[in-house]
Amino acid sequence: MADGEEVSNKQIILRDYVSGFPKESDMFVKTSTILLKVPEGSEAVLLKNLYLSCDPYLRNRMKKAEEGGYDDSITPSSPVSGFGVARVLDSGHPNYKKGDLVWGITGWEEYSLITDVESLFKIQHTDVPLSYYTGILGMPGLTAYAGFYVICSPKKGQYVFISAASGAVGQLVGQFAKLLGCYVVGSAGTKEKVDLLKNKLGFDEAFNYKEEKDLDATLKRYFPNGIDIYFENVGGKMLDAVLLNMRLHGCIIGCGMISQYNLDQPEGVHNLFELVTKRIRMEGFVVLDYVHVYPKFLDMIVPYIKEGKISYLEDIVEGLENGPAALIGLFYGRNVGKQVVVVAHD
């Protein structure tokens, strides 16, 4: 296709702000057109999108942003946006040229004109699957690295618990902890995921939280000596039970709270006094605050991938039009591993 040609551009559009559980019908497919050329004098880049990342945080961007919130809302009647992998088709920016591969914030559409080039990273390592830049080599990988290593300063032999452990971030935290010599337990929502945690990802133990009537008793069974580090992805009742089972001077890293995102009235947490009596440090973080450690993270993770020391589970869906169903599936635990949508293979 010729430079400057006008082509059709399939897009996933957010219908309106969402309350409660999101539905596929909150989004719809629209076909518009786009000129395959960056406007004259602009420093924008034009991308052909290859892979899109389904991430739970997108749910929070589907509601009207509160003042001082950490992320911008997606504007109704405009394309959904999020992390993706793309090829540069045209560039007015000195750092990018035609043919470059990038990952970063892009639109849920076939082609995107990106004016905020600061949100893109050039892909240097192309001898690994490109889809990995939606996961292990992208935002989830950096999230796992920053939360576990930078915030919690873990030590060999510590007791580590991870909720949503087979998800994009949790599966990596567990493997990082095992490589460090920690005892690692994960929770997930199906027998299949529990088996993967134990047999493919190397966790010491794992359990299906849906089958446990008493989470406090469950954690006491797996952690008779208590928990040093809790990597928090779900919130609610799980956090309450974990607080009762933390060790003195333990660390809780607040990465996400997926059990709360779709509730109009968030659940309360009752055991917070444990923070005081056990001198627990609990810290929430947003990965965008840790972009500066990305090069250091890559230096660590790429050799691990090439040496086969780290596995990464992906749940890949073909076709942009199947993006809404894939995204909604996150909130019902349908995905096994990192949920990726393929827009195009090249």
Protein backbone atom coordinates (compact mmCIF):
# COMPACT_ATOMS: atom_id res chain seq x y z
CA MET A 1 0.00 0.00 0.00
CA ALA A 2 1.31 3.41 -0.98
CA ASP A 3 2.45 6.11 1.45
CA GLY A 4 -0.22 8.76 1.85
CA GLU A 5 -2.97 6.45 0.67
CA GLU A 6 -6.34 6.72 2.45
CA VAL A 7 -7.38 3.35 3.87
CA SER A 8 -10.20 2.01 6.02
CA ASN A 9 -9.45 1.83 9.75
CA LYS A 10 -11.44 -0.56 11.94
CA GLN A 11 -11.79 0.78 15.51
CA ILE A 12 -13.20 -0.32 18.88
CA ILE A 13 -15.22 2.60 20.26
CA LEU A 14 -16.32 3.16 23.88
CA ARG A 15 -20.09 3.80 23.77
CA ASP A 16 -20.39 5.66 27.10
CA TYR A 17 -18.93 5.78 30.61
CA VAL A 18 -19.41 2.42 32.34
CA SER A 19 -20.84 1.65 35.78
CA GLY A 20 -20.93 -1.82 37.36
CA PHE A 21 -19.57 -4.78 35.45
CA PRO A 22 -18.50 -3.80 31.90
CA LYS A 23 -20.26 -5.55 29.01
CA GLU A 24 -19.25 -6.18 25.43
CA SER A 25 -22.08 -3.86 24.38
CA ASP A 26 -20.28 -0.96 26.14
CA MET A 27 -17.99 -1.05 23.08
CA PHE A 28 -18.72 -1.34 19.37
CA VAL A 29 -16.81 -1.76 16.10
CA LYS A 30 -16.71 1.20 13.72
CA THR A 31 -14.87 1.57 10.42
CA SER A 32 -13.51 5.00 9.56
CA THR A 33 -10.70 6.06 7.20
CA ILE A 34 -7.17 7.30 7.83
CA LEU A 35 -4.46 8.87 5.68
CA LEU A 36 -1.25 6.82 5.86
CA LYS A 37 0.87 9.93 6.29
CA VAL A 38 1.86 12.12 9.23
CA PRO A 39 0.57 15.71 8.82
CA GLU A 40 3.16 18.11 7.39
CA GLY A 41 5.32 19.69 10.10
CA SER A 42 4.03 17.38 12.84
CA GLU A 43 6.28 15.31 15.13
CA ALA A 44 3.64 12.57 15.36
CA VAL A 45 4.13 8.95 14.32
CA LEU A 46 1.71 6.80 12.35
CA LEU A 47 1.46 3.22 13.61
CA LYS A 48 0.14 -0.03 12.23
CA ASN A 49 -1.04 -1.87 15.34
CA LEU A 50 0.01 -5.53 15.67
CA TYR A 51 -0.87 -6.61 19.23
CA LEU A 52 -3.08 -5.01 21.88
CA SER A 53 -2.92 -5.64 25.61
CA CYS A 54 -6.04 -6.38 27.67
CA ASP A 55 -5.38 -5.03 31.17
CA PRO A 56 -7.71 -4.72 34.19
CA TYR A 57 -6.77 -1.05 34.69
CA LEU A 58 -8.70 -0.23 31.50
CA ARG A 59 -11.89 -0.73 33.55
CA ASN A 60 -11.00 2.31 35.67
CA ARG A 61 -10.45 4.38 32.53
CA MET A 62 -13.98 3.56 31.36
CA LYS A 63 -15.50 5.70 34.08
CA LYS A 64 -15.35 9.46 34.39
CA ALA A 65 -11.99 10.42 35.89
CA GLU A 66 -11.94 11.82 39.40
CA GLU A 67 -9.92 14.94 40.02
CA GLY A 68 -6.32 13.93 40.67
CA GLY A 69 -6.84 10.38 39.43
CA TYR A 70 -3.79 8.51 38.16
CA ASP A 71 -5.09 7.92 34.66
CA ASP A 72 -7.13 9.74 32.02
CA SER A 73 -10.59 8.48 31.15
CA ILE A 74 -11.30 7.10 27.71
CA THR A 75 -13.65 9.61 26.05
CA PRO A 76 -17.02 8.13 25.03
CA SER A 77 -17.47 7.86 21.24
CA SER A 78 -13.69 7.63 20.78
CA PRO A 79 -11.46 4.55 20.39
CA VAL A 80 -10.40 2.57 23.44
CA SER A 81 -6.68 3.13 24.07
CA GLY A 82 -4.09 1.10 25.93
CA PHE A 83 -0.75 -0.65 25.65
CA GLY A 84 0.12 -2.29 22.36
CA VAL A 85 2.87 -3.28 19.94
CA ALA A 86 3.05 -1.59 16.56
CA ARG A 87 5.16 -0.89 13.48
CA VAL A 88 5.96 2.68 12.41
CA LEU A 89 4.53 3.47 8.95
CA ASP A 90 5.44 7.16 8.85
CA SER A 91 7.14 9.53 11.26
CA GLY A 92 7.67 13.23 11.73
CA HIS A 93 9.70 12.57 14.88
CA PRO A 94 13.51 12.44 14.74
CA ASN A 95 13.68 9.38 17.08
CA TYR A 96 11.45 7.16 14.94
CA LYS A 97 11.65 6.05 11.34
CA LYS A 98 9.52 3.93 9.06
CA GLY A 99 9.85 0.23 9.93
CA ASP A 100 10.71 0.75 13.62
CA LEU A 101 8.89 -1.53 16.06
CA VAL A 102 7.50 0.12 19.20
CA TRP A 103 5.42 -0.63 22.27
CA GLY A 104 3.45 1.83 24.34
CA ILE A 105 0.07 3.56 24.40
CA THR A 106 -1.86 3.18 21.16
CA GLY A 107 -5.48 2.97 20.00
CA TRP A 108 -7.69 -0.10 19.70
CA GLU A 109 -7.75 0.28 15.93
CA GLU A 110 -5.83 -0.92 12.89
CA TYR A 111 -3.86 2.33 12.49
CA SER A 112 -3.12 5.05 15.05
CA LEU A 113 -1.71 8.55 14.67
CA ILE A 114 0.22 9.12 17.92
CA THR A 115 1.01 12.70 18.90
CA ASP A 116 2.23 11.85 22.43
CA VAL A 117 5.40 10.10 21.31
CA GLU A 118 6.73 10.15 24.91
CA SER A 119 4.42 7.19 25.61
CA LEU A 120 6.27 4.94 23.12
CA PHE A 121 9.34 2.73 23.59
CA LYS A 122 11.46 1.52 20.70
CA ILE A 123 11.80 -2.27 20.62
CA GLN A 124 15.46 -3.32 20.59
CA HIS A 125 15.19 -7.09 21.14
CA THR A 126 13.32 -8.65 18.20
CA ASP A 127 14.55 -12.23 18.75
CA VAL A 128 11.71 -12.87 21.23
CA PRO A 129 7.96 -12.97 20.42
CA LEU A 130 6.76 -9.42 19.72
CA SER A 131 3.59 -10.12 21.72
CA TYR A 132 5.84 -10.30 24.82
CA TYR A 133 5.97 -6.49 24.73
CA THR A 134 2.32 -6.45 25.86
CA GLY A 135 3.34 -8.58 28.84
CA ILE A 136 6.64 -9.89 30.17
CA LEU A 137 8.72 -7.25 28.30
CA GLY A 138 6.14 -4.48 28.62
CA MET A 139 4.02 -2.84 31.31
CA PRO A 140 3.15 -6.03 33.29
CA GLY A 141 6.78 -7.16 33.36
CA LEU A 142 7.97 -3.77 34.58
CA THR A 143 5.14 -3.77 37.15
CA ALA A 144 6.27 -7.14 38.54
CA TYR A 145 9.90 -6.03 38.65
CA ALA A 146 9.28 -2.63 40.26
CA GLY A 147 6.78 -3.93 42.81
CA PHE A 148 8.77 -6.95 43.89
CA TYR A 149 12.41 -5.89 43.66
CA VAL A 150 12.36 -2.10 43.96
CA ILE A 151 9.60 -1.58 46.54
CA CYS A 152 9.85 -4.71 48.67
CA SER A 153 13.61 -5.46 48.64
CA PRO A 154 12.99 -9.22 49.04
CA LYS A 155 15.45 -11.63 50.62
CA LYS A 156 16.21 -15.29 50.03
CA GLY A 157 14.09 -17.63 52.13
CA GLN A 158 11.16 -15.25 52.64
CA TYR A 159 7.52 -16.41 52.46
CA VAL A 160 5.75 -14.85 49.48
CA PHE A 161 2.02 -14.92 48.62
CA ILE A 162 0.58 -13.69 45.31
CA SER A 163 -3.12 -13.30 44.48
CA ALA A 164 -4.32 -13.49 40.85
CA ALA A 165 -1.09 -15.43 40.47
CA SER A 166 -1.61 -16.74 36.94
CA GLY A 167 -2.30 -13.27 35.54
CA ALA A 168 0.04 -11.08 33.52
CA VAL A 169 1.89 -9.71 36.58
CA GLY A 170 1.41 -12.42 39.20
CA GLN A 171 2.99 -15.22 37.18
CA LEU A 172 6.19 -13.17 36.89
CA VAL A 173 6.37 -12.13 40.54
CA GLY A 174 6.13 -15.79 41.52
CA GLN A 175 8.97 -16.78 39.22
CA PHE A 176 11.14 -13.84 40.36
CA ALA A 177 10.58 -14.94 43.96
CA LYS A 178 11.50 -18.56 43.15
CA LEU A 179 14.69 -17.45 41.35
CA LEU A 180 15.59 -15.55 44.52
CA GLY A 181 15.07 -18.64 46.69
CA CYS A 182 11.75 -17.71 48.35
CA TYR A 183 8.85 -20.00 49.31
CA VAL A 184 6.00 -19.01 46.97
CA VAL A 185 2.25 -19.68 47.07
CA GLY A 186 -0.31 -18.30 44.60
CA SER A 187 -4.09 -18.13 44.46
CA ALA A 188 -6.16 -18.39 41.28
CA GLY A 189 -9.77 -19.08 40.31
CA THR A 190 -9.72 -22.43 38.47
CA LYS A 191 -8.15 -25.87 38.84
CA GLU A 192 -6.43 -25.37 35.46
CA LYS A 193 -4.71 -22.20 36.68
CA VAL A 194 -3.69 -23.81 39.97
CA ASP A 195 -2.12 -26.72 38.05
CA LEU A 196 -0.23 -24.29 35.80
CA LEU A 197 1.13 -22.38 38.80
CA LYS A 198 2.49 -25.54 40.38
CA ASN A 199 3.55 -27.54 37.32
CA LYS A 200 4.62 -24.95 34.73
CA LEU A 201 5.49 -21.80 36.66
CA GLY A 202 7.28 -23.47 39.57
CA PHE A 203 5.24 -22.16 42.53
CA ASP A 204 5.69 -24.26 45.69
CA GLU A 205 1.93 -24.34 46.26
CA ALA A 206 -1.24 -22.85 44.84
CA PHE A 207 -4.94 -22.94 45.68
CA ASN A 208 -8.31 -22.13 44.11
CA TYR A 209 -9.74 -19.34 46.26
CA LYS A 210 -13.28 -20.15 45.05
CA GLU A 211 -13.10 -23.54 46.77
CA GLU A 212 -11.96 -22.13 50.11
CA LYS A 213 -14.68 -21.30 52.64
CA ASP A 214 -12.31 -19.67 55.15
CA LEU A 215 -9.40 -17.76 53.59
CA ASP A 216 -7.78 -17.11 56.97
CA ALA A 217 -7.63 -20.86 57.66
CA THR A 218 -6.38 -21.52 54.12
CA LEU A 219 -3.49 -19.08 54.50
CA LYS A 220 -2.59 -20.57 57.89
CA ARG A 221 -2.41 -23.97 56.19
CA TYR A 222 -0.01 -22.77 53.48
CA PHE A 223 1.89 -20.30 55.66
CA PRO A 224 2.11 -21.77 59.18
CA ASN A 225 4.94 -19.29 59.87
CA GLY A 226 3.13 -16.33 58.28
CA ILE A 227 3.70 -14.22 55.13
CA ASP A 228 6.66 -11.87 54.60
CA ILE A 229 5.58 -10.41 51.25
CA TYR A 230 2.07 -10.19 49.78
CA PHE A 231 1.77 -9.07 46.17
CA GLU A 232 -1.77 -7.69 46.13
CA ASN A 233 -3.84 -7.93 42.94
CA VAL A 234 -7.39 -8.50 44.21
CA GLY A 235 -8.26 -6.64 47.44
CA GLY A 236 -11.45 -7.29 49.42
CA LYS A 237 -11.77 -10.47 51.48
CA MET A 238 -8.37 -11.76 50.39
CA LEU A 239 -6.56 -8.67 51.70
CA ASP A 240 -8.48 -8.94 54.98
CA ALA A 241 -7.37 -12.56 55.44
CA VAL A 242 -3.77 -11.79 54.48
CA LEU A 243 -3.51 -9.04 57.12
CA LEU A 244 -4.21 -11.66 59.81
CA ASN A 245 -1.37 -13.82 58.46
CA MET A 246 1.42 -11.33 57.90
CA ARG A 247 4.70 -11.65 59.79
CA LEU A 248 6.33 -8.85 61.77
CA HIS A 249 7.75 -6.14 59.48
CA GLY A 250 6.11 -7.75 56.43
CA CYS A 251 5.51 -5.92 53.16
CA ILE A 252 2.26 -5.65 51.17
CA ILE A 253 2.60 -4.28 47.64
CA GLY A 254 -0.65 -2.81 46.30
CA CYS A 255 -0.57 -3.49 42.56
CA GLY A 256 -4.29 -3.86 41.80
CA MET A 257 -7.64 -4.74 43.37
CA ILE A 258 -9.64 -6.43 40.63
CA SER A 259 -12.36 -7.68 43.03
CA GLN A 260 -13.35 -4.04 43.65
CA TYR A 261 -13.26 -2.43 40.20
CA ASN A 262 -16.86 -3.20 39.23
CA LEU A 263 -18.52 -2.56 42.60
CA ASP A 264 -20.52 0.63 43.05
CA GLN A 265 -19.75 0.42 46.78
CA PRO A 266 -16.25 -0.99 47.50
CA GLU A 267 -15.96 -3.58 50.27
CA GLY A 268 -14.45 -2.49 53.56
CA VAL A 269 -11.26 -3.94 55.04
CA HIS A 270 -11.62 -4.85 58.72
CA ASN A 271 -8.18 -5.99 59.83
CA LEU A 272 -6.12 -2.87 59.19
CA PHE A 273 -5.01 -2.63 62.84
CA GLU A 274 -2.67 -5.53 61.95
CA LEU A 275 -0.58 -2.92 60.11
CA VAL A 276 0.14 -1.31 63.45
CA THR A 277 0.68 -4.34 65.67
CA LYS A 278 2.88 -6.16 63.14
CA ARG A 279 4.61 -3.01 61.84
CA ILE A 280 3.60 -3.98 58.29
CA ARG A 281 4.58 -1.73 55.42
CA MET A 282 1.81 -1.45 52.79
CA GLU A 283 2.51 0.57 49.68
CA GLY A 284 0.55 1.08 46.51
CA PHE A 285 2.25 2.00 43.26
CA VAL A 286 1.65 2.83 39.62
CA VAL A 287 4.11 1.46 37.08
CA LEU A 288 4.42 4.81 35.28
CA ASP A 289 6.46 6.01 38.29
CA TYR A 290 9.10 3.36 37.52
CA VAL A 291 9.73 3.84 33.80
CA HIS A 292 13.30 4.92 34.66
CA VAL A 293 14.19 1.35 35.75
CA TYR A 294 13.00 -0.20 32.45
CA PRO A 295 16.53 -0.53 30.94
CA LYS A 296 17.76 -2.26 34.12
CA PHE A 297 14.71 -4.55 34.05
CA LEU A 298 15.39 -5.52 30.41
CA ASP A 299 19.02 -6.34 31.24
CA MET A 300 17.76 -8.82 33.83
CA ILE A 301 14.74 -10.34 32.08
CA VAL A 302 15.93 -10.88 28.47
CA PRO A 303 18.71 -13.35 29.44
CA TYR A 304 16.23 -15.19 31.70
CA ILE A 305 13.84 -15.60 28.75
CA LYS A 306 16.57 -16.75 26.36
CA GLU A 307 17.97 -19.23 28.90
CA GLY A 308 14.49 -20.66 29.55
CA LYS A 309 14.61 -19.67 33.23
CA ILE A 310 11.27 -17.89 33.02
CA SER A 311 8.04 -19.13 31.40
CA TYR A 312 5.31 -16.79 30.26
CA LEU A 313 1.69 -17.76 29.65
CA GLU A 314 -0.24 -15.88 26.98
CA ASP A 315 -3.92 -16.14 26.08
CA ILE A 316 -4.05 -14.93 22.47
CA VAL A 317 -7.23 -13.89 20.64
CA GLU A 318 -7.18 -13.21 16.89
CA GLY A 319 -8.98 -10.19 15.46
CA LEU A 320 -9.56 -6.62 16.67
CA GLU A 321 -13.34 -7.22 16.70
CA ASN A 322 -12.81 -9.85 19.44
CA GLY A 323 -11.05 -7.33 21.70
CA PRO A 324 -14.14 -6.34 23.75
CA ALA A 325 -14.99 -9.96 24.63
CA ALA A 326 -11.34 -10.61 25.59
CA LEU A 327 -11.24 -7.53 27.82
CA ILE A 328 -14.54 -8.36 29.57
CA GLY A 329 -13.28 -11.92 30.10
CA LEU A 330 -10.58 -10.60 32.47
CA PHE A 331 -13.23 -9.74 35.05
CA TYR A 332 -14.66 -13.26 34.95
CA GLY A 333 -11.27 -14.99 35.06
CA ARG A 334 -11.68 -16.44 31.55
CA ASN A 335 -8.10 -15.71 30.51
CA VAL A 336 -5.25 -18.08 31.31
CA GLY A 337 -2.15 -15.89 31.43
CA LYS A 338 -1.62 -12.55 29.71
CA GLN A 339 -4.60 -11.64 27.49
CA VAL A 340 -3.44 -10.40 24.07
CA VAL A 341 -5.44 -9.37 20.99
CA VAL A 342 -3.80 -9.85 17.57
CA VAL A 343 -4.69 -7.04 15.17
CA ALA A 344 -2.17 -8.01 12.46
CA HIS A 345 0.86 -10.31 12.31
CA ASP A 346 3.14 -7.96 10.35
